[in-house]
Amino acid sequence: DQLDLPTDRLYRHLYLQLYAGAGAMLLVVFFPQSSTLLWTGVVAYGVFNGPTIGYVYDLCNRTTVASE
């Protein structure tokens, strides 16, 4: 998926995943007594926040000039 994405769409995918991860954290913060929402938030955070590391590395590689 990342190899075929233009840079502007890469930004959109990254922002979507960051906001979804933040929303998952809010579930855990606002509903700490609900075990269902707690685990839903934990799983959603892992699903959405995990790929952001790769997207950030890809974005850095695309937007910086090679110095070698």
N, C-alpha and C. Protein backbone atom coordinates (compact mmCIF):
# COMPACT_ATOMS: atom_id res chain seq x y z
N ASP A 1 0.83 -1.19 0.00
CA ASP A 1 0.00 0.00 0.00
C ASP A 1 0.88 1.26 0.00
N GLN A 2 1.90 1.29 0.81
CA GLN A 2 2.72 2.50 0.91
C GLN A 2 3.53 2.78 -0.34
N LEU A 3 3.95 1.75 -1.04
CA LEU A 3 4.80 1.95 -2.22
C LEU A 3 4.08 2.70 -3.32
N ASP A 4 2.77 2.51 -3.43
CA ASP A 4 2.01 3.14 -4.51
C ASP A 4 1.36 4.45 -4.09
N LEU A 5 1.52 4.87 -2.86
CA LEU A 5 0.86 6.09 -2.39
C LEU A 5 1.67 7.34 -2.76
N PRO A 6 1.02 8.33 -3.35
CA PRO A 6 1.70 9.61 -3.49
C PRO A 6 1.83 10.27 -2.12
N THR A 7 2.71 11.23 -2.01
CA THR A 7 3.02 11.83 -0.70
C THR A 7 1.80 12.48 -0.06
N ASP A 8 0.95 13.14 -0.84
CA ASP A 8 -0.23 13.79 -0.25
C ASP A 8 -1.19 12.77 0.36
N ARG A 9 -1.34 11.62 -0.29
CA ARG A 9 -2.20 10.58 0.28
C ARG A 9 -1.54 9.91 1.48
N LEU A 10 -0.21 9.85 1.48
CA LEU A 10 0.50 9.30 2.63
C LEU A 10 0.23 10.15 3.87
N TYR A 11 0.22 11.49 3.69
CA TYR A 11 -0.13 12.38 4.80
C TYR A 11 -1.54 12.07 5.30
N ARG A 12 -2.49 11.90 4.37
CA ARG A 12 -3.87 11.63 4.78
C ARG A 12 -3.99 10.31 5.54
N HIS A 13 -3.31 9.28 5.06
CA HIS A 13 -3.34 7.99 5.76
C HIS A 13 -2.73 8.11 7.15
N LEU A 14 -1.62 8.83 7.25
CA LEU A 14 -0.96 9.00 8.54
C LEU A 14 -1.86 9.76 9.51
N TYR A 15 -2.46 10.86 9.06
CA TYR A 15 -3.33 11.63 9.94
C TYR A 15 -4.54 10.82 10.38
N LEU A 16 -5.12 10.04 9.47
CA LEU A 16 -6.27 9.20 9.82
C LEU A 16 -5.89 8.20 10.90
N GLN A 17 -4.74 7.58 10.75
CA GLN A 17 -4.32 6.59 11.75
C GLN A 17 -3.98 7.25 13.08
N LEU A 18 -3.37 8.42 13.05
CA LEU A 18 -3.06 9.11 14.31
C LEU A 18 -4.34 9.53 15.04
N TYR A 19 -5.31 10.06 14.30
CA TYR A 19 -6.57 10.47 14.93
C TYR A 19 -7.35 9.26 15.44
N ALA A 20 -7.33 8.16 14.70
CA ALA A 20 -8.04 6.96 15.16
C ALA A 20 -7.37 6.40 16.42
N GLY A 21 -6.04 6.43 16.48
CA GLY A 21 -5.34 5.99 17.69
C GLY A 21 -5.66 6.88 18.88
N ALA A 22 -5.75 8.19 18.63
CA ALA A 22 -6.12 9.11 19.71
C ALA A 22 -7.56 8.86 20.16
N GLY A 23 -8.45 8.58 19.22
CA GLY A 23 -9.82 8.25 19.58
C GLY A 23 -9.90 6.98 20.42
N ALA A 24 -9.06 6.01 20.10
CA ALA A 24 -9.02 4.77 20.88
C ALA A 24 -8.54 5.05 22.30
N MET A 25 -7.55 5.94 22.44
CA MET A 25 -7.09 6.31 23.78
C MET A 25 -8.19 7.01 24.56
N LEU A 26 -8.98 7.83 23.88
CA LEU A 26 -10.07 8.53 24.55
C LEU A 26 -11.12 7.55 25.07
N LEU A 27 -11.36 6.47 24.34
CA LEU A 27 -12.28 5.44 24.84
C LEU A 27 -11.82 4.90 26.19
N VAL A 28 -10.53 4.63 26.29
CA VAL A 28 -9.98 4.08 27.53
C VAL A 28 -10.06 5.12 28.65
N VAL A 29 -9.80 6.38 28.32
CA VAL A 29 -9.79 7.43 29.35
C VAL A 29 -11.20 7.74 29.84
N PHE A 30 -12.16 7.84 28.92
CA PHE A 30 -13.51 8.27 29.30
C PHE A 30 -14.39 7.15 29.84
N PHE A 31 -14.07 5.91 29.53
CA PHE A 31 -14.90 4.79 29.99
C PHE A 31 -14.04 3.72 30.67
N PRO A 32 -13.38 4.07 31.77
CA PRO A 32 -12.47 3.10 32.40
C PRO A 32 -13.21 1.95 33.10
N GLN A 33 -14.48 2.10 33.38
CA GLN A 33 -15.21 1.05 34.09
C GLN A 33 -15.75 -0.03 33.16
N SER A 34 -15.80 0.25 31.86
CA SER A 34 -16.35 -0.72 30.91
C SER A 34 -15.22 -1.58 30.34
N SER A 35 -15.26 -2.87 30.65
CA SER A 35 -14.20 -3.75 30.16
C SER A 35 -14.29 -3.93 28.64
N THR A 36 -15.49 -3.89 28.09
CA THR A 36 -15.64 -4.02 26.64
C THR A 36 -15.01 -2.85 25.92
N LEU A 37 -15.29 -1.63 26.39
CA LEU A 37 -14.71 -0.45 25.74
C LEU A 37 -13.22 -0.34 26.02
N LEU A 38 -12.77 -0.83 27.17
CA LEU A 38 -11.34 -0.83 27.46
C LEU A 38 -10.59 -1.68 26.44
N TRP A 39 -11.05 -2.91 26.24
CA TRP A 39 -10.35 -3.79 25.29
C TRP A 39 -10.55 -3.37 23.86
N THR A 40 -11.70 -2.78 23.55
CA THR A 40 -11.90 -2.22 22.21
C THR A 40 -10.91 -1.09 21.96
N GLY A 41 -10.71 -0.24 22.97
CA GLY A 41 -9.75 0.85 22.84
C GLY A 41 -8.32 0.35 22.71
N VAL A 42 -7.97 -0.68 23.48
CA VAL A 42 -6.61 -1.23 23.41
C VAL A 42 -6.35 -1.84 22.04
N VAL A 43 -7.30 -2.61 21.53
CA VAL A 43 -7.12 -3.24 20.22
C VAL A 43 -7.09 -2.19 19.12
N ALA A 44 -8.00 -1.22 19.17
CA ALA A 44 -8.03 -0.17 18.15
C ALA A 44 -6.75 0.65 18.18
N TYR A 45 -6.23 0.92 19.37
CA TYR A 45 -4.98 1.67 19.48
C TYR A 45 -3.84 0.89 18.82
N GLY A 46 -3.76 -0.39 19.07
CA GLY A 46 -2.71 -1.20 18.46
C GLY A 46 -2.84 -1.28 16.96
N VAL A 47 -4.07 -1.42 16.47
CA VAL A 47 -4.30 -1.54 15.02
C VAL A 47 -3.97 -0.23 14.32
N PHE A 48 -4.37 0.90 14.90
CA PHE A 48 -4.17 2.17 14.22
C PHE A 48 -2.83 2.82 14.52
N ASN A 49 -2.30 2.63 15.70
CA ASN A 49 -1.05 3.30 16.05
C ASN A 49 0.17 2.51 15.59
N GLY A 50 0.07 1.20 15.48
CA GLY A 50 1.22 0.39 15.07
C GLY A 50 1.80 0.77 13.72
N PRO A 51 0.98 0.90 12.67
CA PRO A 51 1.53 1.23 11.36
C PRO A 51 2.05 2.66 11.23
N THR A 52 1.74 3.53 12.18
CA THR A 52 2.19 4.91 12.03
C THR A 52 3.71 5.03 12.05
N ILE A 53 4.39 4.13 12.73
CA ILE A 53 5.86 4.18 12.76
C ILE A 53 6.41 4.00 11.34
N GLY A 54 5.90 3.03 10.61
CA GLY A 54 6.33 2.82 9.24
C GLY A 54 5.98 3.98 8.34
N TYR A 55 4.79 4.54 8.54
CA TYR A 55 4.38 5.68 7.72
C TYR A 55 5.26 6.90 8.00
N VAL A 56 5.63 7.12 9.25
CA VAL A 56 6.50 8.25 9.59
C VAL A 56 7.89 8.05 8.97
N TYR A 57 8.44 6.85 9.05
CA TYR A 57 9.73 6.58 8.41
C TYR A 57 9.65 6.81 6.91
N ASP A 58 8.60 6.32 6.28
CA ASP A 58 8.42 6.50 4.84
C ASP A 58 8.31 7.97 4.50
N LEU A 59 7.55 8.71 5.29
CA LEU A 59 7.39 10.14 5.06
C LEU A 59 8.71 10.88 5.20
N CYS A 60 9.49 10.53 6.21
CA CYS A 60 10.80 11.16 6.39
C CYS A 60 11.72 10.85 5.21
N ASN A 61 11.69 9.62 4.74
CA ASN A 61 12.53 9.26 3.60
C ASN A 61 12.11 9.98 2.32
N ARG A 62 10.83 10.22 2.17
CA ARG A 62 10.36 10.90 0.96
C ARG A 62 10.60 12.39 0.99
N THR A 63 10.58 13.00 2.16
CA THR A 63 10.64 14.46 2.23
C THR A 63 12.03 15.02 2.53
N THR A 64 13.00 14.18 2.83
CA THR A 64 14.36 14.68 3.06
C THR A 64 15.23 14.36 1.85
N VAL A 65 16.16 15.27 1.59
CA VAL A 65 17.08 15.09 0.47
C VAL A 65 18.20 14.16 0.91
N ALA A 66 18.55 13.24 0.05
CA ALA A 66 19.64 12.32 0.38
C ALA A 66 20.97 13.07 0.46
N SER A 67 21.73 12.79 1.49
CA SER A 67 23.00 13.52 1.69
C SER A 67 24.21 12.67 1.33
N GLU A 68 23.99 11.54 0.75
CA GLU A 68 25.11 10.65 0.40
C GLU A 68 25.53 10.83 -1.02
